[in-house]
Amino acid sequence: MDEHLFLKGQRITSPDGPGEVIETIGNKVVVKLDNGKTETFSDEVVTDDSNAG
């Protein structure tokens, strides 16, 4: 089972560009994009963009 876990405030990269997670609902991730738009994406197309170090 491949599960994705995104947390509120986490920096991500989406098909529409970089942004920040504002909510997760099931396998959907609501993202506030850096361009100011709010979009919802499947967790399959969103990737982590946080600095681990």
PDB file of N, CA and C in Angstrom:
ATOM      1  N   MET A   1       0.842  -1.175   0.000  1.00  0.00           N
ATOM      2  CA  MET A   1       0.000   0.000   0.000  1.00  0.00           C
ATOM      3  C   MET A   1       0.892   1.244   0.000  1.00  0.00           C
ATOM      4  N   ASP A   2       0.693   2.104  -0.998  1.00  0.00           N
ATOM      5  CA  ASP A   2       1.491   3.322  -1.126  1.00  0.00           C
ATOM      6  C   ASP A   2       0.671   4.496  -0.619  1.00  0.00           C
ATOM      7  N   GLU A   3       1.030   5.002   0.546  1.00  0.00           N
ATOM      8  CA  GLU A   3       0.287   6.119   1.125  1.00  0.00           C
ATOM      9  C   GLU A   3       1.134   7.369   1.123  1.00  0.00           C
ATOM     10  N   HIS A   4       0.491   8.499   0.846  1.00  0.00           N
ATOM     11  CA  HIS A   4       1.149   9.789   0.884  1.00  0.00           C
ATOM     12  C   HIS A   4       0.612  10.538   2.090  1.00  0.00           C
ATOM     13  N   LEU A   5       1.494  11.186   2.811  1.00  0.00           N
ATOM     14  CA  LEU A   5       1.077  11.963   3.970  1.00  0.00           C
ATOM     15  C   LEU A   5       1.586  13.383   3.809  1.00  0.00           C
ATOM     16  N   PHE A   6       0.663  14.305   3.699  1.00  0.00           N
ATOM     17  CA  PHE A   6       1.013  15.719   3.596  1.00  0.00           C
ATOM     18  C   PHE A   6       0.412  16.437   4.787  1.00  0.00           C
ATOM     19  N   LEU A   7       1.199  17.296   5.400  1.00  0.00           N
ATOM     20  CA  LEU A   7       0.783  18.005   6.602  1.00  0.00           C
ATOM     21  C   LEU A   7       0.499  19.461   6.294  1.00  0.00           C
ATOM     22  N   LYS A   8      -0.415  20.038   7.049  1.00  0.00           N
ATOM     23  CA  LYS A   8      -0.732  21.452   6.899  1.00  0.00           C
ATOM     24  C   LYS A   8       0.544  22.279   7.051  1.00  0.00           C
ATOM     25  N   GLY A   9       0.763  23.193   6.122  1.00  0.00           N
ATOM     26  CA  GLY A   9       1.943  24.045   6.157  1.00  0.00           C
ATOM     27  C   GLY A   9       3.139  23.489   5.404  1.00  0.00           C
ATOM     28  N   GLN A  10       3.053  22.234   4.980  1.00  0.00           N
ATOM     29  CA  GLN A  10       4.165  21.601   4.274  1.00  0.00           C
ATOM     30  C   GLN A  10       4.335  22.222   2.885  1.00  0.00           C
ATOM     31  N   ARG A  11       5.576  22.480   2.504  1.00  0.00           N
ATOM     32  CA  ARG A  11       5.888  22.983   1.167  1.00  0.00           C
ATOM     33  C   ARG A  11       5.836  21.817   0.183  1.00  0.00           C
ATOM     34  N   ILE A  12       5.174  22.041  -0.956  1.00  0.00           N
ATOM     35  CA  ILE A  12       5.028  20.999  -1.962  1.00  0.00           C
ATOM     36  C   ILE A  12       5.246  21.587  -3.356  1.00  0.00           C
ATOM     37  N   THR A  13       5.382  20.676  -4.319  1.00  0.00           N
ATOM     38  CA  THR A  13       5.376  21.044  -5.724  1.00  0.00           C
ATOM     39  C   THR A  13       4.182  20.351  -6.359  1.00  0.00           C
ATOM     40  N   SER A  14       3.361  21.121  -7.079  1.00  0.00           N
ATOM     41  CA  SER A  14       2.174  20.595  -7.739  1.00  0.00           C
ATOM     42  C   SER A  14       2.318  20.778  -9.248  1.00  0.00           C
ATOM     43  N   PRO A  15       1.397  20.212 -10.037  1.00  0.00           N
ATOM     44  CA  PRO A  15       1.440  20.431 -11.486  1.00  0.00           C
ATOM     45  C   PRO A  15       1.336  21.918 -11.865  1.00  0.00           C
ATOM     46  N   ASP A  16       0.756  22.733 -10.988  1.00  0.00           N
ATOM     47  CA  ASP A  16       0.604  24.166 -11.262  1.00  0.00           C
ATOM     48  C   ASP A  16       1.683  25.015 -10.604  1.00  0.00           C
ATOM     49  N   GLY A  17       2.679  24.368 -10.003  1.00  0.00           N
ATOM     50  CA  GLY A  17       3.785  25.094  -9.392  1.00  0.00           C
ATOM     51  C   GLY A  17       3.886  24.840  -7.902  1.00  0.00           C
ATOM     52  N   PRO A  18       4.833  25.517  -7.244  1.00  0.00           N
ATOM     53  CA  PRO A  18       5.057  25.309  -5.815  1.00  0.00           C
ATOM     54  C   PRO A  18       3.983  25.967  -4.962  1.00  0.00           C
ATOM     55  N   GLY A  19       3.833  25.448  -3.735  1.00  0.00           N
ATOM     56  CA  GLY A  19       2.870  26.018  -2.809  1.00  0.00           C
ATOM     57  C   GLY A  19       2.971  25.387  -1.439  1.00  0.00           C
ATOM     58  N   GLU A  20       1.902  25.592  -0.653  1.00  0.00           N
ATOM     59  CA  GLU A  20       1.859  25.122   0.726  1.00  0.00           C
ATOM     60  C   GLU A  20       0.532  24.412   0.971  1.00  0.00           C
ATOM     61  N   VAL A  21       0.606  23.264   1.641  1.00  0.00           N
ATOM     62  CA  VAL A  21      -0.598  22.496   1.970  1.00  0.00           C
ATOM     63  C   VAL A  21      -1.429  23.279   2.980  1.00  0.00           C
ATOM     64  N   ILE A  22      -2.734  23.448   2.679  1.00  0.00           N
ATOM     65  CA  ILE A  22      -3.609  24.075   3.662  1.00  0.00           C
ATOM     66  C   ILE A  22      -4.619  23.086   4.237  1.00  0.00           C
ATOM     67  N   GLU A  23      -4.815  21.943   3.543  1.00  0.00           N
ATOM     68  CA  GLU A  23      -5.738  20.928   4.053  1.00  0.00           C
ATOM     69  C   GLU A  23      -5.585  19.651   3.236  1.00  0.00           C
ATOM     70  N   THR A  24      -5.862  18.511   3.874  1.00  0.00           N
ATOM     71  CA  THR A  24      -5.943  17.247   3.154  1.00  0.00           C
ATOM     72  C   THR A  24      -7.296  16.623   3.435  1.00  0.00           C
ATOM     73  N   ILE A  25      -7.911  16.075   2.384  1.00  0.00           N
ATOM     74  CA  ILE A  25      -9.219  15.431   2.495  1.00  0.00           C
ATOM     75  C   ILE A  25      -9.128  14.124   1.718  1.00  0.00           C
ATOM     76  N   GLY A  26      -9.033  13.014   2.453  1.00  0.00           N
ATOM     77  CA  GLY A  26      -8.853  11.734   1.779  1.00  0.00           C
ATOM     78  C   GLY A  26      -7.569  11.749   0.980  1.00  0.00           C
ATOM     79  N   ASN A  27      -7.682  11.473  -0.331  1.00  0.00           N
ATOM     80  CA  ASN A  27      -6.488  11.496  -1.179  1.00  0.00           C
ATOM     81  C   ASN A  27      -6.343  12.816  -1.928  1.00  0.00           C
ATOM     82  N   LYS A  28      -7.059  13.844  -1.488  1.00  0.00           N
ATOM     83  CA  LYS A  28      -6.976  15.170  -2.099  1.00  0.00           C
ATOM     84  C   LYS A  28      -6.175  16.104  -1.200  1.00  0.00           C
ATOM     85  N   VAL A  29      -5.386  16.961  -1.836  1.00  0.00           N
ATOM     86  CA  VAL A  29      -4.557  17.920  -1.117  1.00  0.00           C
ATOM     87  C   VAL A  29      -4.948  19.317  -1.589  1.00  0.00           C
ATOM     88  N   VAL A  30      -5.380  20.165  -0.652  1.00  0.00           N
ATOM     89  CA  VAL A  30      -5.724  21.548  -0.973  1.00  0.00           C
ATOM     90  C   VAL A  30      -4.468  22.384  -0.769  1.00  0.00           C
ATOM     91  N   VAL A  31      -4.088  23.115  -1.826  1.00  0.00           N
ATOM     92  CA  VAL A  31      -2.805  23.813  -1.854  1.00  0.00           C
ATOM     93  C   VAL A  31      -3.009  25.301  -2.115  1.00  0.00           C
ATOM     94  N   LYS A  32      -2.330  26.131  -1.319  1.00  0.00           N
ATOM     95  CA  LYS A  32      -2.241  27.569  -1.601  1.00  0.00           C
ATOM     96  C   LYS A  32      -0.969  27.744  -2.418  1.00  0.00           C
ATOM     97  N   LEU A  33      -1.144  27.988  -3.712  1.00  0.00           N
ATOM     98  CA  LEU A  33      -0.004  28.126  -4.608  1.00  0.00           C
ATOM     99  C   LEU A  33       0.713  29.443  -4.367  1.00  0.00           C
ATOM    100  N   ASP A  34       1.988  29.489  -4.706  1.00  0.00           N
ATOM    101  CA  ASP A  34       2.773  30.704  -4.532  1.00  0.00           C
ATOM    102  C   ASP A  34       2.232  31.863  -5.367  1.00  0.00           C
ATOM    103  N   ASN A  35       1.465  31.557  -6.424  1.00  0.00           N
ATOM    104  CA  ASN A  35       0.894  32.615  -7.254  1.00  0.00           C
ATOM    105  C   ASN A  35      -0.395  33.188  -6.662  1.00  0.00           C
ATOM    106  N   GLY A  36      -0.801  32.674  -5.471  1.00  0.00           N
ATOM    107  CA  GLY A  36      -1.970  33.196  -4.777  1.00  0.00           C
ATOM    108  C   GLY A  36      -3.241  32.388  -4.957  1.00  0.00           C
ATOM    109  N   LYS A  37      -3.263  31.484  -5.931  1.00  0.00           N
ATOM    110  CA  LYS A  37      -4.449  30.665  -6.178  1.00  0.00           C
ATOM    111  C   LYS A  37      -4.510  29.504  -5.192  1.00  0.00           C
ATOM    112  N   THR A  38      -5.720  29.023  -4.927  1.00  0.00           N
ATOM    113  CA  THR A  38      -5.928  27.824  -4.124  1.00  0.00           C
ATOM    114  C   THR A  38      -6.477  26.748  -5.049  1.00  0.00           C
ATOM    115  N   GLU A  39      -5.833  25.595  -5.069  1.00  0.00           N
ATOM    116  CA  GLU A  39      -6.220  24.492  -5.944  1.00  0.00           C
ATOM    117  C   GLU A  39      -6.240  23.186  -5.152  1.00  0.00           C
ATOM    118  N   THR A  40      -6.989  22.206  -5.663  1.00  0.00           N
ATOM    119  CA  THR A  40      -7.047  20.875  -5.064  1.00  0.00           C
ATOM    120  C   THR A  40      -6.451  19.869  -6.042  1.00  0.00           C
ATOM    121  N   PHE A  41      -5.568  19.021  -5.538  1.00  0.00           N
ATOM    122  CA  PHE A  41      -4.887  18.030  -6.365  1.00  0.00           C
ATOM    123  C   PHE A  41      -4.981  16.660  -5.710  1.00  0.00           C
ATOM    124  N   SER A  42      -4.863  15.618  -6.521  1.00  0.00           N
ATOM    125  CA  SER A  42      -4.706  14.262  -6.007  1.00  0.00           C
ATOM    126  C   SER A  42      -3.335  14.151  -5.356  1.00  0.00           C
ATOM    127  N   ASP A  43      -3.246  13.373  -4.286  1.00  0.00           N
ATOM    128  CA  ASP A  43      -1.945  13.209  -3.635  1.00  0.00           C
ATOM    129  C   ASP A  43      -0.945  12.473  -4.531  1.00  0.00           C
ATOM    130  N   GLU A  44      -1.409  11.901  -5.626  1.00  0.00           N
ATOM    131  CA  GLU A  44      -0.530  11.208  -6.571  1.00  0.00           C
ATOM    132  C   GLU A  44       0.323  12.179  -7.386  1.00  0.00           C
ATOM    133  N   VAL A  45      -0.115  13.446  -7.521  1.00  0.00           N
ATOM    134  CA  VAL A  45       0.595  14.402  -8.377  1.00  0.00           C
ATOM    135  C   VAL A  45       1.317  15.484  -7.589  1.00  0.00           C
ATOM    136  N   VAL A  46       1.214  15.435  -6.261  1.00  0.00           N
ATOM    137  CA  VAL A  46       1.864  16.417  -5.390  1.00  0.00           C
ATOM    138  C   VAL A  46       3.111  15.776  -4.786  1.00  0.00           C
ATOM    139  N   THR A  47       4.219  16.521  -4.773  1.00  0.00           N
ATOM    140  CA  THR A  47       5.454  15.993  -4.190  1.00  0.00           C
ATOM    141  C   THR A  47       5.985  16.932  -3.116  1.00  0.00           C
ATOM    142  N   ASP A  48       6.667  16.349  -2.158  1.00  0.00           N
ATOM    143  CA  ASP A  48       7.264  17.108  -1.060  1.00  0.00           C
ATOM    144  C   ASP A  48       8.332  18.057  -1.598  1.00  0.00           C
ATOM    145  N   ASP A  49       8.357  19.274  -1.094  1.00  0.00           N
ATOM    146  CA  ASP A  49       9.354  20.266  -1.507  1.00  0.00           C
ATOM    147  C   ASP A  49       9.958  20.958  -0.289  1.00  0.00           C
ATOM    148  N   SER A  50       9.908  20.285   0.860  1.00  0.00           N
ATOM    149  CA  SER A  50      10.450  20.890   2.078  1.00  0.00           C
ATOM    150  C   SER A  50      11.944  20.612   2.178  1.00  0.00           C
ATOM    151  N   ASN A  51      12.654  21.493   2.836  1.00  0.00           N
ATOM    152  CA  ASN A  51      14.081  21.310   3.077  1.00  0.00           C
ATOM    153  C   ASN A  51      14.264  20.449   4.314  1.00  0.00           C
ATOM    154  N   ALA A  52      14.852  19.293   4.145  1.00  0.00           N
ATOM    155  CA  ALA A  52      15.034  18.391   5.279  1.00  0.00           C
ATOM    156  C   ALA A  52      16.258  18.756   6.113  1.00  0.00           C
ATOM    157  N   GLY A  53      17.103  19.611   5.602  1.00  0.00           N
ATOM    158  CA  GLY A  53      18.325  19.843   6.313  1.00  0.00           C
ATOM    159  C   GLY A  53      18.570  21.253   6.648  1.00  0.00           C
TER     160      GLY A  53
END
